[in-house]
Every structure is written in C-alpha cells, then in structure tokens.
C-alpha cells in the first residue's frame, strides 16, 4: 500500500479475482475504511464489465470472431 492506499495492481487483481485468500483479507479490511479505494474498485469493476461485454458483442450481433 502506498500513501495509505492499495496499489493499483493489487486493486486490479482483487477486481479480477486473481489474489490469493491471504491477499484478499487485507484488501477487504482496507476497503472498509477507505472511500478512495472503494471508489477505485467500483470504477475498475465497471471497466472490467465493459470490456467483457465488448468481447461478447460480436457474438450477440451474429459477427464471428477471428481468433
């Protein structure tokens, strides 16, 4: 944590469920007291949802993805 806030890469890992149980506990504890980090998590969560929706969009419109 930097300046009493959680590092961006840790928040990203938290949002994307890539942290171990041992790493999640201190993040969730910090989020209870830090509005700034909660807001950042909410923004990252929305961003991830948008990216996932965009990745599925071609399939919804009958466009085949080229891998």
C-alpha atoms as a PDB file:
ATOM      1  CA  UNK A   1       0.000   0.000   0.000  1.00  0.00           C
ATOM      2  CA  UNK A   2       1.258   3.421  -0.904  1.00  0.00           C
ATOM      3  CA  UNK A   3       0.255   6.620   0.899  1.00  0.00           C
ATOM      4  CA  UNK A   4      -2.244   4.550   2.910  1.00  0.00           C
ATOM      5  CA  UNK A   5      -3.915   3.317  -0.268  1.00  0.00           C
ATOM      6  CA  UNK A   6      -3.779  -0.029  -2.012  1.00  0.00           C
ATOM      7  CA  UNK A   7      -1.519  -0.256  -5.068  1.00  0.00           C
ATOM      8  CA  UNK A   8      -3.293  -0.188  -8.422  1.00  0.00           C
ATOM      9  CA  UNK A   9      -2.046  -3.629  -9.454  1.00  0.00           C
ATOM     10  CA  UNK A  10      -3.389  -5.122  -6.221  1.00  0.00           C
ATOM     11  CA  UNK A  11      -6.787  -3.482  -6.768  1.00  0.00           C
ATOM     12  CA  UNK A  12      -6.841  -4.846 -10.307  1.00  0.00           C
ATOM     13  CA  UNK A  13      -6.017  -8.320  -9.017  1.00  0.00           C
ATOM     14  CA  UNK A  14      -8.768  -8.003  -6.439  1.00  0.00           C
ATOM     15  CA  UNK A  15     -11.371  -6.965  -9.008  1.00  0.00           C
ATOM     16  CA  UNK A  16     -10.344  -9.739 -11.370  1.00  0.00           C
ATOM     17  CA  UNK A  17     -10.282 -12.344  -8.556  1.00  0.00           C
ATOM     18  CA  UNK A  18      -6.597 -13.072  -9.062  1.00  0.00           C
ATOM     19  CA  UNK A  19      -5.487 -12.639  -5.459  1.00  0.00           C
ATOM     20  CA  UNK A  20      -4.968 -15.457  -3.008  1.00  0.00           C
ATOM     21  CA  UNK A  21      -7.160 -15.672   0.078  1.00  0.00           C
ATOM     22  CA  UNK A  22      -4.260 -14.326   2.134  1.00  0.00           C
ATOM     23  CA  UNK A  23      -4.011 -11.284  -0.164  1.00  0.00           C
ATOM     24  CA  UNK A  24      -7.768 -10.632  -0.245  1.00  0.00           C
ATOM     25  CA  UNK A  25      -8.207 -10.263   3.526  1.00  0.00           C
ATOM     26  CA  UNK A  26      -6.097  -7.084   3.979  1.00  0.00           C
ATOM     27  CA  UNK A  27      -7.605  -5.533   0.849  1.00  0.00           C
ATOM     28  CA  UNK A  28     -11.137  -6.062   2.108  1.00  0.00           C
ATOM     29  CA  UNK A  29     -10.170  -4.753   5.537  1.00  0.00           C
ATOM     30  CA  UNK A  30      -8.726  -1.605   3.955  1.00  0.00           C
ATOM     31  CA  UNK A  31     -11.796  -1.132   1.767  1.00  0.00           C
ATOM     32  CA  UNK A  32     -13.939  -0.924   4.900  1.00  0.00           C
ATOM     33  CA  UNK A  33     -12.208   2.311   5.895  1.00  0.00           C
ATOM     34  CA  UNK A  34     -11.046   3.866   2.614  1.00  0.00           C
ATOM     35  CA  UNK A  35     -13.589   5.588   0.398  1.00  0.00           C
ATOM     36  CA  UNK A  36     -10.999   6.390  -2.287  1.00  0.00           C
ATOM     37  CA  UNK A  37     -10.023   2.744  -2.747  1.00  0.00           C
ATOM     38  CA  UNK A  38     -13.686   1.639  -2.704  1.00  0.00           C
ATOM     39  CA  UNK A  39     -14.391   4.139  -5.483  1.00  0.00           C
ATOM     40  CA  UNK A  40     -11.415   2.864  -7.452  1.00  0.00           C
ATOM     41  CA  UNK A  41     -12.609  -0.742  -7.043  1.00  0.00           C
ATOM     42  CA  UNK A  42     -16.080   0.266  -8.250  1.00  0.00           C
ATOM     43  CA  UNK A  43     -14.569   2.005 -11.297  1.00  0.00           C
ATOM     44  CA  UNK A  44     -12.336  -0.980 -12.087  1.00  0.00           C
ATOM     45  CA  UNK A  45     -15.270  -3.350 -11.682  1.00  0.00           C
ATOM     46  CA  UNK A  46     -17.328  -1.306 -14.158  1.00  0.00           C
ATOM     47  CA  UNK A  47     -14.383  -1.186 -16.560  1.00  0.00           C
ATOM     48  CA  UNK A  48     -13.907  -4.965 -16.433  1.00  0.00           C
ATOM     49  CA  UNK A  49     -17.640  -5.474 -17.034  1.00  0.00           C
ATOM     50  CA  UNK A  50     -17.464  -3.137 -20.057  1.00  0.00           C
ATOM     51  CA  UNK A  51     -14.509  -4.989 -21.535  1.00  0.00           C
ATOM     52  CA  UNK A  52     -16.221  -8.341 -21.036  1.00  0.00           C
ATOM     53  CA  UNK A  53     -19.417  -7.027 -22.641  1.00  0.00           C
ATOM     54  CA  UNK A  54     -17.475  -5.658 -25.598  1.00  0.00           C
ATOM     55  CA  UNK A  55     -15.745  -9.007 -26.057  1.00  0.00           C
ATOM     56  CA  UNK A  56     -19.152 -10.710 -26.265  1.00  0.00           C
ATOM     57  CA  UNK A  57     -20.723  -8.039 -28.508  1.00  0.00           C
ATOM     58  CA  UNK A  58     -19.759  -9.563 -31.886  1.00  0.00           C
ATOM     59  CA  UNK A  59     -21.405 -12.830 -30.890  1.00  0.00           C
ATOM     60  CA  UNK A  60     -24.631 -11.068 -29.935  1.00  0.00           C
ATOM     61  CA  UNK A  61     -24.854  -9.452 -33.355  1.00  0.00           C
ATOM     62  CA  UNK A  62     -24.043 -12.546 -35.357  1.00  0.00           C
ATOM     63  CA  UNK A  63     -20.491 -11.499 -36.192  1.00  0.00           C
ATOM     64  CA  UNK A  64     -17.916 -14.247 -35.929  1.00  0.00           C
ATOM     65  CA  UNK A  65     -14.733 -13.509 -34.051  1.00  0.00           C
ATOM     66  CA  UNK A  66     -11.483 -14.076 -35.883  1.00  0.00           C
ATOM     67  CA  UNK A  67      -9.008 -15.642 -33.478  1.00  0.00           C
END
